PDB file of N, CA and C in Angstrom:
ATOM      1  N   MET A   1      88.113 132.372 109.102  1.00  0.00           N
ATOM      2  CA  MET A   1      88.138 131.944 110.446  1.00  0.00           C
ATOM      3  C   MET A   1      88.038 130.468 110.549  1.00  0.00           C
ATOM      4  N   LYS A   2      87.242 129.837 109.725  1.00  0.00           N
ATOM      5  CA  LYS A   2      87.130 128.374 109.725  1.00  0.00           C
ATOM      6  C   LYS A   2      88.363 127.742 109.356  1.00  0.00           C
ATOM      7  N   ARG A   3      89.088 128.353 108.361  1.00  0.00           N
ATOM      8  CA  ARG A   3      90.371 127.743 107.951  1.00  0.00           C
ATOM      9  C   ARG A   3      91.432 127.869 109.082  1.00  0.00           C
ATOM     10  N   LEU A   4      91.420 128.943 109.782  1.00  0.00           N
ATOM     11  CA  LEU A   4      92.299 129.170 110.877  1.00  0.00           C
ATOM     12  C   LEU A   4      92.023 128.104 111.983  1.00  0.00           C
ATOM     13  N   LEU A   5      90.803 127.881 112.327  1.00  0.00           N
ATOM     14  CA  LEU A   5      90.462 126.869 113.288  1.00  0.00           C
ATOM     15  C   LEU A   5      90.811 125.447 112.850  1.00  0.00           C
ATOM     16  N   ALA A   6      90.558 125.188 111.574  1.00  0.00           N
ATOM     17  CA  ALA A   6      90.948 123.862 111.011  1.00  0.00           C
ATOM     18  C   ALA A   6      92.483 123.701 111.089  1.00  0.00           C
ATOM     19  N   ALA A   7      93.169 124.692 110.755  1.00  0.00           N
ATOM     20  CA  ALA A   7      94.669 124.684 110.762  1.00  0.00           C
ATOM     21  C   ALA A   7      95.177 124.396 112.237  1.00  0.00           C
ATOM     22  N   LEU A   8      94.558 125.131 113.183  1.00  0.00           N
ATOM     23  CA  LEU A   8      94.930 124.949 114.578  1.00  0.00           C
ATOM     24  C   LEU A   8      94.585 123.554 115.073  1.00  0.00           C
ATOM     25  N   ALA A   9      93.448 123.012 114.655  1.00  0.00           N
ATOM     26  CA  ALA A   9      93.065 121.707 115.055  1.00  0.00           C
ATOM     27  C   ALA A   9      94.061 120.654 114.521  1.00  0.00           C
ATOM     28  N   LEU A  10      94.424 120.859 113.261  1.00  0.00           N
ATOM     29  CA  LEU A  10      95.449 119.961 112.654  1.00  0.00           C
ATOM     30  C   LEU A  10      96.722 119.982 113.288  1.00  0.00           C
ATOM     31  N   LEU A  11      97.227 121.193 113.672  1.00  0.00           N
ATOM     32  CA  LEU A  11      98.506 121.346 114.362  1.00  0.00           C
ATOM     33  C   LEU A  11      98.455 120.730 115.728  1.00  0.00           C
ATOM     34  N   SER A  12      97.318 120.801 116.423  1.00  0.00           N
ATOM     35  CA  SER A  12      97.182 120.183 117.746  1.00  0.00           C
ATOM     36  C   SER A  12      97.219 118.692 117.621  1.00  0.00           C
ATOM     37  N   LEU A  13      96.607 118.174 116.597  1.00  0.00           N
ATOM     38  CA  LEU A  13      96.597 116.669 116.303  1.00  0.00           C
ATOM     39  C   LEU A  13      97.920 116.193 116.070  1.00  0.00           C
ATOM     40  N   LEU A  14      98.695 116.852 115.224  1.00  0.00           N
ATOM     41  CA  LEU A  14     100.072 116.479 114.863  1.00  0.00           C
ATOM     42  C   LEU A  14     100.995 116.606 116.067  1.00  0.00           C
ATOM     43  N   ALA A  15     100.818 117.616 116.910  1.00  0.00           N
ATOM     44  CA  ALA A  15     101.602 117.791 118.066  1.00  0.00           C
ATOM     45  C   ALA A  15     101.427 116.558 119.011  1.00  0.00           C
ATOM     46  N   GLY A  16     100.191 116.117 119.107  1.00  0.00           N
ATOM     47  CA  GLY A  16      99.869 114.992 119.974  1.00  0.00           C
ATOM     48  C   GLY A  16     100.464 113.750 119.552  1.00  0.00           C
ATOM     49  N   CYS A  17     100.662 113.628 118.182  1.00  0.00           N
ATOM     50  CA  CYS A  17     101.292 112.388 117.622  1.00  0.00           C
ATOM     51  C   CYS A  17     102.810 112.465 117.595  1.00  0.00           C
ATOM     52  N   ALA A  18     103.350 113.574 117.942  1.00  0.00           N
ATOM     53  CA  ALA A  18     104.825 113.727 117.920  1.00  0.00           C
ATOM     54  C   ALA A  18     105.467 112.728 118.801  1.00  0.00           C
ATOM     55  N   SER A  19     106.654 112.367 118.496  1.00  0.00           N
ATOM     56  CA  SER A  19     107.442 111.406 119.196  1.00  0.00           C
ATOM     57  C   SER A  19     107.912 112.038 120.499  1.00  0.00           C
ATOM     58  N   HIS A  20     107.839 111.287 121.601  1.00  0.00           N
ATOM     59  CA  HIS A  20     108.257 111.778 122.871  1.00  0.00           C
ATOM     60  C   HIS A  20     109.570 111.120 123.287  1.00  0.00           C
ATOM     61  N   GLU A  21     110.308 110.552 122.282  1.00  0.00           N
ATOM     62  CA  GLU A  21     111.574 109.865 122.608  1.00  0.00           C
ATOM     63  C   GLU A  21     112.574 110.884 123.030  1.00  0.00           C
ATOM     64  N   ILE A  22     113.559 110.421 123.797  1.00  0.00           N
ATOM     65  CA  ILE A  22     114.640 111.225 124.289  1.00  0.00           C
ATOM     66  C   ILE A  22     115.915 110.746 123.672  1.00  0.00           C
ATOM     67  N   ASP A  23     116.920 111.573 123.679  1.00  0.00           N
ATOM     68  CA  ASP A  23     118.275 111.198 123.176  1.00  0.00           C
ATOM     69  C   ASP A  23     118.896 110.244 124.215  1.00  0.00           C
ATOM     70  N   PRO A  24     119.249 109.032 123.773  1.00  0.00           N
ATOM     71  CA  PRO A  24     119.738 108.036 124.722  1.00  0.00           C
ATOM     72  C   PRO A  24     121.192 108.293 125.159  1.00  0.00           C
ATOM     73  N   ARG A  25     121.936 109.108 124.409  1.00  0.00           N
ATOM     74  CA  ARG A  25     123.338 109.306 124.743  1.00  0.00           C
ATOM     75  C   ARG A  25     123.447 109.923 126.121  1.00  0.00           C
ATOM     76  N   GLY A  26     124.215 109.203 126.964  1.00  0.00           N
ATOM     77  CA  GLY A  26     124.452 109.673 128.306  1.00  0.00           C
ATOM     78  C   GLY A  26     123.353 109.442 129.277  1.00  0.00           C
ATOM     79  N   TYR A  27     122.302 108.720 128.815  1.00  0.00           N
ATOM     80  CA  TYR A  27     121.207 108.382 129.726  1.00  0.00           C
ATOM     81  C   TYR A  27     121.628 107.614 130.960  1.00  0.00           C
ATOM     82  N   ASP A  28     121.336 108.082 132.119  1.00  0.00           N
ATOM     83  CA  ASP A  28     121.767 107.414 133.349  1.00  0.00           C
ATOM     84  C   ASP A  28     120.743 107.782 134.397  1.00  0.00           C
ATOM     85  N   GLU A  29     119.867 106.853 134.729  1.00  0.00           N
ATOM     86  CA  GLU A  29     118.779 107.144 135.685  1.00  0.00           C
ATOM     87  C   GLU A  29     118.686 105.978 136.641  1.00  0.00           C
ATOM     88  N   THR A  30     118.132 106.278 137.870  1.00  0.00           N
ATOM     89  CA  THR A  30     117.918 105.319 138.931  1.00  0.00           C
ATOM     90  C   THR A  30     116.423 105.314 139.219  1.00  0.00           C
ATOM     91  N   GLY A  31     115.872 104.167 139.307  1.00  0.00           N
ATOM     92  CA  GLY A  31     114.474 104.003 139.698  1.00  0.00           C
ATOM     93  C   GLY A  31     114.006 102.563 139.830  1.00  0.00           C
ATOM     94  N   MET A  32     112.710 102.312 139.816  1.00  0.00           N
ATOM     95  CA  MET A  32     112.222 101.035 140.077  1.00  0.00           C
ATOM     96  C   MET A  32     111.973 100.256 138.736  1.00  0.00           C
ATOM     97  N   ALA A  33     112.299  99.039 138.768  1.00  0.00           N
ATOM     98  CA  ALA A  33     112.140  98.110 137.619  1.00  0.00           C
ATOM     99  C   ALA A  33     111.141  96.996 138.011  1.00  0.00           C
ATOM    100  N   SER A  34     110.361  96.553 137.067  1.00  0.00           N
ATOM    101  CA  SER A  34     109.537  95.434 137.229  1.00  0.00           C
ATOM    102  C   SER A  34     109.755  94.476 135.984  1.00  0.00           C
ATOM    103  N   TYR A  35     109.017  93.394 135.929  1.00  0.00           N
ATOM    104  CA  TYR A  35     109.186  92.532 134.774  1.00  0.00           C
ATOM    105  C   TYR A  35     107.830  91.986 134.364  1.00  0.00           C
ATOM    106  N   TYR A  36     107.824  91.564 133.094  1.00  0.00           N
ATOM    107  CA  TYR A  36     106.642  90.890 132.545  1.00  0.00           C
ATOM    108  C   TYR A  36     107.072  89.623 131.817  1.00  0.00           C
ATOM    109  N   GLY A  37     106.192  88.591 131.836  1.00  0.00           N
ATOM    110  CA  GLY A  37     106.639  87.339 131.345  1.00  0.00           C
ATOM    111  C   GLY A  37     105.528  86.559 130.542  1.00  0.00           C
ATOM    112  N   ALA A  38     105.213  85.330 130.961  1.00  0.00           N
ATOM    113  CA  ALA A  38     104.352  84.417 130.256  1.00  0.00           C
ATOM    114  C   ALA A  38     103.062  84.960 129.827  1.00  0.00           C
ATOM    115  N   LYS A  39     102.450  85.811 130.600  1.00  0.00           N
ATOM    116  CA  LYS A  39     101.099  86.357 130.231  1.00  0.00           C
ATOM    117  C   LYS A  39     101.245  87.160 128.900  1.00  0.00           C
ATOM    118  N   HIS A  40     102.356  87.770 128.626  1.00  0.00           N
ATOM    119  CA  HIS A  40     102.512  88.520 127.410  1.00  0.00           C
ATOM    120  C   HIS A  40     103.219  87.837 126.255  1.00  0.00           C
ATOM    121  N   GLN A  41     103.645  86.623 126.513  1.00  0.00           N
ATOM    122  CA  GLN A  41     104.454  85.845 125.482  1.00  0.00           C
ATOM    123  C   GLN A  41     103.795  85.781 124.214  1.00  0.00           C
ATOM    124  N   GLY A  42     104.452  86.202 123.080  1.00  0.00           N
ATOM    125  CA  GLY A  42     104.000  86.188 121.790  1.00  0.00           C
ATOM    126  C   GLY A  42     103.163  87.394 121.388  1.00  0.00           C
ATOM    127  N   LYS A  43     102.703  88.202 122.262  1.00  0.00           N
ATOM    128  CA  LYS A  43     101.932  89.423 121.964  1.00  0.00           C
ATOM    129  C   LYS A  43     102.873  90.420 121.333  1.00  0.00           C
ATOM    130  N   ARG A  44     102.339  91.255 120.518  1.00  0.00           N
ATOM    131  CA  ARG A  44     103.089  92.298 119.795  1.00  0.00           C
ATOM    132  C   ARG A  44     103.539  93.483 120.812  1.00  0.00           C
ATOM    133  N   THR A  45     104.802  93.728 120.650  1.00  0.00           N
ATOM    134  CA  THR A  45     105.254  94.893 121.423  1.00  0.00           C
ATOM    135  C   THR A  45     104.977  96.148 120.658  1.00  0.00           C
ATOM    136  N   ALA A  46     105.262  97.283 121.275  1.00  0.00           N
ATOM    137  CA  ALA A  46     105.023  98.569 120.608  1.00  0.00           C
ATOM    138  C   ALA A  46     105.908  98.752 119.360  1.00  0.00           C
ATOM    139  N   SER A  47     107.051  98.103 119.312  1.00  0.00           N
ATOM    140  CA  SER A  47     107.926  98.135 118.113  1.00  0.00           C
ATOM    141  C   SER A  47     107.437  97.218 117.033  1.00  0.00           C
ATOM    142  N   GLY A  48     106.460  96.399 117.254  1.00  0.00           N
ATOM    143  CA  GLY A  48     105.840  95.495 116.261  1.00  0.00           C
ATOM    144  C   GLY A  48     106.434  94.066 116.322  1.00  0.00           C
ATOM    145  N   GLU A  49     107.446  93.850 117.073  1.00  0.00           N
ATOM    146  CA  GLU A  49     107.924  92.494 117.162  1.00  0.00           C
ATOM    147  C   GLU A  49     107.213  91.718 118.305  1.00  0.00           C
ATOM    148  N   PRO A  50     107.140  90.397 118.194  1.00  0.00           N
ATOM    149  CA  PRO A  50     106.501  89.647 119.242  1.00  0.00           C
ATOM    150  C   PRO A  50     107.321  89.590 120.536  1.00  0.00           C
ATOM    151  N   PHE A  51     106.604  89.747 121.666  1.00  0.00           N
ATOM    152  CA  PHE A  51     107.306  89.690 122.995  1.00  0.00           C
ATOM    153  C   PHE A  51     107.853  88.290 123.190  1.00  0.00           C
ATOM    154  N   ASN A  52     109.057  88.175 123.636  1.00  0.00           N
ATOM    155  CA  ASN A  52     109.712  86.940 123.982  1.00  0.00           C
ATOM    156  C   ASN A  52     110.267  87.071 125.463  1.00  0.00           C
ATOM    157  N   GLN A  53     109.620  86.380 126.343  1.00  0.00           N
ATOM    158  CA  GLN A  53     110.097  86.510 127.735  1.00  0.00           C
ATOM    159  C   GLN A  53     111.506  86.009 127.998  1.00  0.00           C
ATOM    160  N   HIS A  54     112.010  85.209 127.003  1.00  0.00           N
ATOM    161  CA  HIS A  54     113.376  84.669 127.195  1.00  0.00           C
ATOM    162  C   HIS A  54     114.390  85.518 126.483  1.00  0.00           C
ATOM    163  N   ALA A  55     114.004  86.586 125.784  1.00  0.00           N
ATOM    164  CA  ALA A  55     115.021  87.510 125.187  1.00  0.00           C
ATOM    165  C   ALA A  55     115.329  88.503 126.225  1.00  0.00           C
ATOM    166  N   LEU A  56     116.486  89.161 126.043  1.00  0.00           N
ATOM    167  CA  LEU A  56     116.861  90.266 126.983  1.00  0.00           C
ATOM    168  C   LEU A  56     116.438  91.607 126.436  1.00  0.00           C
ATOM    169  N   THR A  57     115.170  91.929 126.744  1.00  0.00           N
ATOM    170  CA  THR A  57     114.518  93.090 126.200  1.00  0.00           C
ATOM    171  C   THR A  57     113.852  93.889 127.334  1.00  0.00           C
ATOM    172  N   ALA A  58     113.386  95.041 127.047  1.00  0.00           N
ATOM    173  CA  ALA A  58     112.739  95.931 128.021  1.00  0.00           C
ATOM    174  C   ALA A  58     111.737  96.885 127.404  1.00  0.00           C
ATOM    175  N   ALA A  59     110.850  97.365 128.265  1.00  0.00           N
ATOM    176  CA  ALA A  59     109.928  98.448 127.823  1.00  0.00           C
ATOM    177  C   ALA A  59     110.285  99.662 128.651  1.00  0.00           C
ATOM    178  N   HIS A  60     110.433 100.781 127.873  1.00  0.00           N
ATOM    179  CA  HIS A  60     110.753 102.075 128.507  1.00  0.00           C
ATOM    180  C   HIS A  60     109.794 103.151 127.804  1.00  0.00           C
ATOM    181  N   ARG A  61     109.421 104.067 128.588  1.00  0.00           N
ATOM    182  CA  ARG A  61     108.484 105.117 128.039  1.00  0.00           C
ATOM    183  C   ARG A  61     109.095 105.967 126.990  1.00  0.00           C
ATOM    184  N   GLN A  62     110.381 106.321 127.006  1.00  0.00           N
ATOM    185  CA  GLN A  62     110.932 107.303 126.127  1.00  0.00           C
ATOM    186  C   GLN A  62     112.117 106.921 125.318  1.00  0.00           C
ATOM    187  N   LEU A  63     112.881 105.976 125.739  1.00  0.00           N
ATOM    188  CA  LEU A  63     114.069 105.651 125.000  1.00  0.00           C
ATOM    189  C   LEU A  63     113.708 105.052 123.684  1.00  0.00           C
ATOM    190  N   PRO A  64     114.415 105.406 122.592  1.00  0.00           N
ATOM    191  CA  PRO A  64     114.137 104.857 121.256  1.00  0.00           C
ATOM    192  C   PRO A  64     114.185 103.342 121.160  1.00  0.00           C
ATOM    193  N   PHE A  65     113.431 102.773 120.348  1.00  0.00           N
ATOM    194  CA  PHE A  65     113.490 101.307 120.144  1.00  0.00           C
ATOM    195  C   PHE A  65     114.884 100.943 119.601  1.00  0.00           C
ATOM    196  N   GLY A  66     115.423  99.947 120.105  1.00  0.00           N
ATOM    197  CA  GLY A  66     116.750  99.491 119.716  1.00  0.00           C
ATOM    198  C   GLY A  66     117.829  99.944 120.647  1.00  0.00           C
ATOM    199  N   THR A  67     117.578 100.873 121.518  1.00  0.00           N
ATOM    200  CA  THR A  67     118.543 101.368 122.451  1.00  0.00           C
ATOM    201  C   THR A  67     118.933 100.229 123.415  1.00  0.00           C
ATOM    202  N   ARG A  68     120.245 100.131 123.552  1.00  0.00           N
ATOM    203  CA  ARG A  68     120.776  99.077 124.468  1.00  0.00           C
ATOM    204  C   ARG A  68     121.162  99.781 125.786  1.00  0.00           C
ATOM    205  N   VAL A  69     120.667  99.209 126.868  1.00  0.00           N
ATOM    206  CA  VAL A  69     120.984  99.803 128.175  1.00  0.00           C
ATOM    207  C   VAL A  69     121.479  98.704 129.120  1.00  0.00           C
ATOM    208  N   LYS A  70     122.355  99.107 130.015  1.00  0.00           N
ATOM    209  CA  LYS A  70     122.819  98.289 131.101  1.00  0.00           C
ATOM    210  C   LYS A  70     121.930  98.556 132.299  1.00  0.00           C
ATOM    211  N   VAL A  71     121.332  97.534 132.831  1.00  0.00           N
ATOM    212  CA  VAL A  71     120.447  97.648 133.996  1.00  0.00           C
ATOM    213  C   VAL A  71     121.172  96.940 135.188  1.00  0.00           C
ATOM    214  N   THR A  72     121.395  97.644 136.253  1.00  0.00           N
ATOM    215  CA  THR A  72     122.069  97.150 137.401  1.00  0.00           C
ATOM    216  C   THR A  72     121.102  97.110 138.595  1.00  0.00           C
ATOM    217  N   ASN A  73     120.930  95.965 139.302  1.00  0.00           N
ATOM    218  CA  ASN A  73     120.176  95.879 140.487  1.00  0.00           C
ATOM    219  C   ASN A  73     121.010  96.407 141.631  1.00  0.00           C
ATOM    220  N   LEU A  74     120.532  97.472 142.231  1.00  0.00           N
ATOM    221  CA  LEU A  74     121.308  98.198 143.243  1.00  0.00           C
ATOM    222  C   LEU A  74     121.370  97.414 144.573  1.00  0.00           C
ATOM    223  N   ALA A  75     120.551  96.418 144.772  1.00  0.00           N
ATOM    224  CA  ALA A  75     120.550  95.573 146.002  1.00  0.00           C
ATOM    225  C   ALA A  75     121.640  94.532 145.940  1.00  0.00           C
ATOM    226  N   ASN A  76     121.997  94.019 144.786  1.00  0.00           N
ATOM    227  CA  ASN A  76     122.902  92.921 144.725  1.00  0.00           C
ATOM    228  C   ASN A  76     124.085  93.203 143.697  1.00  0.00           C
ATOM    229  N   ASP A  77     124.016  94.301 142.953  1.00  0.00           N
ATOM    230  CA  ASP A  77     125.026  94.743 142.011  1.00  0.00           C
ATOM    231  C   ASP A  77     125.115  93.750 140.734  1.00  0.00           C
ATOM    232  N   LYS A  78     124.033  92.943 140.516  1.00  0.00           N
ATOM    233  CA  LYS A  78     124.011  92.189 139.334  1.00  0.00           C
ATOM    234  C   LYS A  78     123.505  93.061 138.166  1.00  0.00           C
ATOM    235  N   SER A  79     124.106  92.817 136.978  1.00  0.00           N
ATOM    236  CA  SER A  79     123.786  93.635 135.763  1.00  0.00           C
ATOM    237  C   SER A  79     123.351  92.749 134.579  1.00  0.00           C
ATOM    238  N   VAL A  80     122.600  93.366 133.700  1.00  0.00           N
ATOM    239  CA  VAL A  80     122.162  92.761 132.479  1.00  0.00           C
ATOM    240  C   VAL A  80     122.127  93.848 131.364  1.00  0.00           C
ATOM    241  N   ILE A  81     122.365  93.503 130.161  1.00  0.00           N
ATOM    242  CA  ILE A  81     122.293  94.345 129.023  1.00  0.00           C
ATOM    243  C   ILE A  81     120.986  93.994 128.284  1.00  0.00           C
ATOM    244  N   VAL A  82     120.100  94.937 128.132  1.00  0.00           N
ATOM    245  CA  VAL A  82     118.825  94.681 127.376  1.00  0.00           C
ATOM    246  C   VAL A  82     118.617  95.678 126.274  1.00  0.00           C
ATOM    247  N   ARG A  83     117.742  95.332 125.345  1.00  0.00           N
ATOM    248  CA  ARG A  83     117.385  96.175 124.189  1.00  0.00           C
ATOM    249  C   ARG A  83     115.959  96.658 124.404  1.00  0.00           C
ATOM    250  N   VAL A  84     115.739  97.926 124.243  1.00  0.00           N
ATOM    251  CA  VAL A  84     114.329  98.471 124.365  1.00  0.00           C
ATOM    252  C   VAL A  84     113.555  98.184 123.092  1.00  0.00           C
ATOM    253  N   ASN A  85     112.466  97.476 123.258  1.00  0.00           N
ATOM    254  CA  ASN A  85     111.574  97.126 122.118  1.00  0.00           C
ATOM    255  C   ASN A  85     110.111  97.328 122.372  1.00  0.00           C
ATOM    256  N   ASP A  86     109.824  97.934 123.474  1.00  0.00           N
ATOM    257  CA  ASP A  86     108.435  98.113 123.897  1.00  0.00           C
ATOM    258  C   ASP A  86     108.239  99.423 124.707  1.00  0.00           C
ATOM    259  N   ARG A  87     106.988  99.848 124.849  1.00  0.00           N
ATOM    260  CA  ARG A  87     106.688 101.020 125.621  1.00  0.00           C
ATOM    261  C   ARG A  87     106.140 100.647 126.961  1.00  0.00           C
ATOM    262  N   GLY A  88     106.442 101.348 127.977  1.00  0.00           N
ATOM    263  CA  GLY A  88     105.994 101.000 129.375  1.00  0.00           C
ATOM    264  C   GLY A  88     107.035 101.439 130.343  1.00  0.00           C
ATOM    265  N   PRO A  89     106.985 101.158 131.478  1.00  0.00           N
ATOM    266  CA  PRO A  89     105.929 100.492 132.175  1.00  0.00           C
ATOM    267  C   PRO A  89     104.647 101.335 132.300  1.00  0.00           C
ATOM    268  N   HIS A  90     103.525 100.697 132.523  1.00  0.00           N
ATOM    269  CA  HIS A  90     102.330 101.441 132.622  1.00  0.00           C
ATOM    270  C   HIS A  90     101.853 101.475 134.081  1.00  0.00           C
ATOM    271  N   THR A  91     102.724 101.157 135.014  1.00  0.00           N
ATOM    272  CA  THR A  91     102.495 101.359 136.440  1.00  0.00           C
ATOM    273  C   THR A  91     103.236 102.558 136.932  1.00  0.00           C
ATOM    274  N   ARG A  92     102.546 103.475 137.608  1.00  0.00           N
ATOM    275  CA  ARG A  92     103.187 104.740 138.127  1.00  0.00           C
ATOM    276  C   ARG A  92     104.345 104.356 139.033  1.00  0.00           C
ATOM    277  N   GLY A  93     105.418 105.114 138.994  1.00  0.00           N
ATOM    278  CA  GLY A  93     106.540 104.938 139.842  1.00  0.00           C
ATOM    279  C   GLY A  93     107.537 103.903 139.329  1.00  0.00           C
ATOM    280  N   ARG A  94     107.346 103.337 138.142  1.00  0.00           N
ATOM    281  CA  ARG A  94     108.301 102.381 137.609  1.00  0.00           C
ATOM    282  C   ARG A  94     109.018 103.080 136.429  1.00  0.00           C
ATOM    283  N   LEU A  95     110.245 102.768 136.267  1.00  0.00           N
ATOM    284  CA  LEU A  95     111.104 103.338 135.219  1.00  0.00           C
ATOM    285  C   LEU A  95     111.266 102.398 134.016  1.00  0.00           C
ATOM    286  N   ILE A  96     111.269 101.094 134.227  1.00  0.00           N
ATOM    287  CA  ILE A  96     111.522 100.176 133.186  1.00  0.00           C
ATOM    288  C   ILE A  96     110.863  98.846 133.468  1.00  0.00           C
ATOM    289  N   ASP A  97     110.361  98.159 132.467  1.00  0.00           N
ATOM    290  CA  ASP A  97     109.865  96.799 132.570  1.00  0.00           C
ATOM    291  C   ASP A  97     110.804  95.915 131.818  1.00  0.00           C
ATOM    292  N   LEU A  98     111.188  94.814 132.467  1.00  0.00           N
ATOM    293  CA  LEU A  98     112.189  93.895 131.843  1.00  0.00           C
ATOM    294  C   LEU A  98     111.495  92.556 131.461  1.00  0.00           C
ATOM    295  N   SER A  99     112.067  91.928 130.465  1.00  0.00           N
ATOM    296  CA  SER A  99     111.579  90.520 130.184  1.00  0.00           C
ATOM    297  C   SER A  99     111.948  89.651 131.360  1.00  0.00           C
ATOM    298  N   ARG A 100     111.258  88.488 131.466  1.00  0.00           N
ATOM    299  CA  ARG A 100     111.455  87.592 132.524  1.00  0.00           C
ATOM    300  C   ARG A 100     112.864  87.117 132.702  1.00  0.00           C
ATOM    301  N   ASP A 101     113.578  86.784 131.601  1.00  0.00           N
ATOM    302  CA  ASP A 101     114.967  86.319 131.699  1.00  0.00           C
ATOM    303  C   ASP A 101     115.868  87.414 132.145  1.00  0.00           C
ATOM    304  N   ALA A 102     115.648  88.632 131.757  1.00  0.00           N
ATOM    305  CA  ALA A 102     116.483  89.758 132.157  1.00  0.00           C
ATOM    306  C   ALA A 102     116.277  89.930 133.708  1.00  0.00           C
ATOM    307  N   ALA A 103     115.053  89.913 134.195  1.00  0.00           N
ATOM    308  CA  ALA A 103     114.741  90.029 135.558  1.00  0.00           C
ATOM    309  C   ALA A 103     115.490  88.831 136.424  1.00  0.00           C
ATOM    310  N   ALA A 104     115.466  87.660 135.776  1.00  0.00           N
ATOM    311  CA  ALA A 104     116.047  86.500 136.446  1.00  0.00           C
ATOM    312  C   ALA A 104     117.538  86.826 136.602  1.00  0.00           C
ATOM    313  N   GLN A 105     118.202  87.274 135.601  1.00  0.00           N
ATOM    314  CA  GLN A 105     119.692  87.576 135.673  1.00  0.00           C
ATOM    315  C   GLN A 105     119.965  88.677 136.742  1.00  0.00           C
ATOM    316  N   LEU A 106     118.970  89.532 136.991  1.00  0.00           N
ATOM    317  CA  LEU A 106     119.135  90.520 138.089  1.00  0.00           C
ATOM    318  C   LEU A 106     118.748  90.053 139.431  1.00  0.00           C
ATOM    319  N   GLY A 107     118.187  88.842 139.502  1.00  0.00           N
ATOM    320  CA  GLY A 107     117.791  88.250 140.780  1.00  0.00           C
ATOM    321  C   GLY A 107     116.619  88.919 141.387  1.00  0.00           C
ATOM    322  N   MET A 108     115.638  89.342 140.533  1.00  0.00           N
ATOM    323  CA  MET A 108     114.447  90.044 141.011  1.00  0.00           C
ATOM    324  C   MET A 108     113.206  89.360 140.830  1.00  0.00           C
ATOM    325  N   LEU A 109     113.228  88.037 140.468  1.00  0.00           N
ATOM    326  CA  LEU A 109     111.969  87.290 140.226  1.00  0.00           C
ATOM    327  C   LEU A 109     111.122  87.193 141.527  1.00  0.00           C
ATOM    328  N   GLN A 110     111.781  86.889 142.579  1.00  0.00           N
ATOM    329  CA  GLN A 110     110.965  86.646 143.851  1.00  0.00           C
ATOM    330  C   GLN A 110     110.188  87.908 144.280  1.00  0.00           C
ATOM    331  N   ASN A 111     110.876  89.031 144.260  1.00  0.00           N
ATOM    332  CA  ASN A 111     110.282  90.290 144.747  1.00  0.00           C
ATOM    333  C   ASN A 111     109.364  90.952 143.650  1.00  0.00           C
ATOM    334  N   GLY A 112     109.720  90.694 142.439  1.00  0.00           N
ATOM    335  CA  GLY A 112     108.919  91.282 141.271  1.00  0.00           C
ATOM    336  C   GLY A 112     109.344  92.640 140.906  1.00  0.00           C
ATOM    337  N   THR A 113     110.056  93.384 141.802  1.00  0.00           N
ATOM    338  CA  THR A 113     110.580  94.723 141.505  1.00  0.00           C
ATOM    339  C   THR A 113     111.929  94.874 142.134  1.00  0.00           C
ATOM    340  N   ALA A 114     112.672  95.814 141.670  1.00  0.00           N
ATOM    341  CA  ALA A 114     113.972  96.130 142.189  1.00  0.00           C
ATOM    342  C   ALA A 114     114.327  97.536 141.886  1.00  0.00           C
ATOM    343  N   ARG A 115     115.080  98.183 142.763  1.00  0.00           N
ATOM    344  CA  ARG A 115     115.605  99.444 142.494  1.00  0.00           C
ATOM    345  C   ARG A 115     116.879  99.280 141.598  1.00  0.00           C
ATOM    346  N   VAL A 116     116.898  99.998 140.478  1.00  0.00           N
ATOM    347  CA  VAL A 116     117.934  99.736 139.437  1.00  0.00           C
ATOM    348  C   VAL A 116     118.572 101.073 139.003  1.00  0.00           C
ATOM    349  N   ARG A 117     119.725 100.921 138.372  1.00  0.00           N
ATOM    350  CA  ARG A 117     120.368 102.003 137.634  1.00  0.00           C
ATOM    351  C   ARG A 117     120.350 101.599 136.171  1.00  0.00           C
ATOM    352  N   ILE A 118     119.901 102.477 135.337  1.00  0.00           N
ATOM    353  CA  ILE A 118     119.858 102.261 133.880  1.00  0.00           C
ATOM    354  C   ILE A 118     120.804 103.196 133.144  1.00  0.00           C
ATOM    355  N   GLN A 119     121.763 102.625 132.416  1.00  0.00           N
ATOM    356  CA  GLN A 119     122.727 103.382 131.733  1.00  0.00           C
ATOM    357  C   GLN A 119     122.733 103.018 130.249  1.00  0.00           C
ATOM    358  N   SER A 120     122.618 104.007 129.357  1.00  0.00           N
ATOM    359  CA  SER A 120     122.700 103.726 127.906  1.00  0.00           C
ATOM    360  C   SER A 120     124.053 103.297 127.520  1.00  0.00           C
ATOM    361  N   LEU A 121     124.116 102.452 126.522  1.00  0.00           N
ATOM    362  CA  LEU A 121     125.411 102.024 125.926  1.00  0.00           C
ATOM    363  C   LEU A 121     125.617 102.571 124.571  1.00  0.00           C
ATOM    364  N   ASP A 122     126.814 102.956 124.201  1.00  0.00           N
ATOM    365  CA  ASP A 122     127.157 103.414 122.934  1.00  0.00           C
ATOM    366  C   ASP A 122     127.298 102.200 121.953  1.00  0.00           C
ATOM    367  N   ASP A 123     126.714 102.317 120.836  1.00  0.00           N
ATOM    368  CA  ASP A 123     126.857 101.200 119.878  1.00  0.00           C
ATOM    369  C   ASP A 123     128.020 101.397 118.974  1.00  0.00           C
TER     370      ASP A 123
END
């Protein structure tokens, strides 16, 4: 009985550590974007690389690291291509966090958020 309980505990632990990534092929979602910048400059991202607010990168909860996505601001039709290198956003109701320069290209610095469309790109 103890072995069975130990095995179940181990399986539960492993299931909790399982990847929650999704298949990026055909990913096409609409939602709210925000951005992060100077406060996080140089800190390690979830992928292990240092955050660079001037790079065209993004944080997404489920897309695999390295996934390239086209992000379009639905209010002004401006687009930018970013690479997912971090996990987030950690604010409820947000779909993606962009680097400062990506947000600038989308024209969303003043508001801080924007309604966007996110489409995965084939490499």
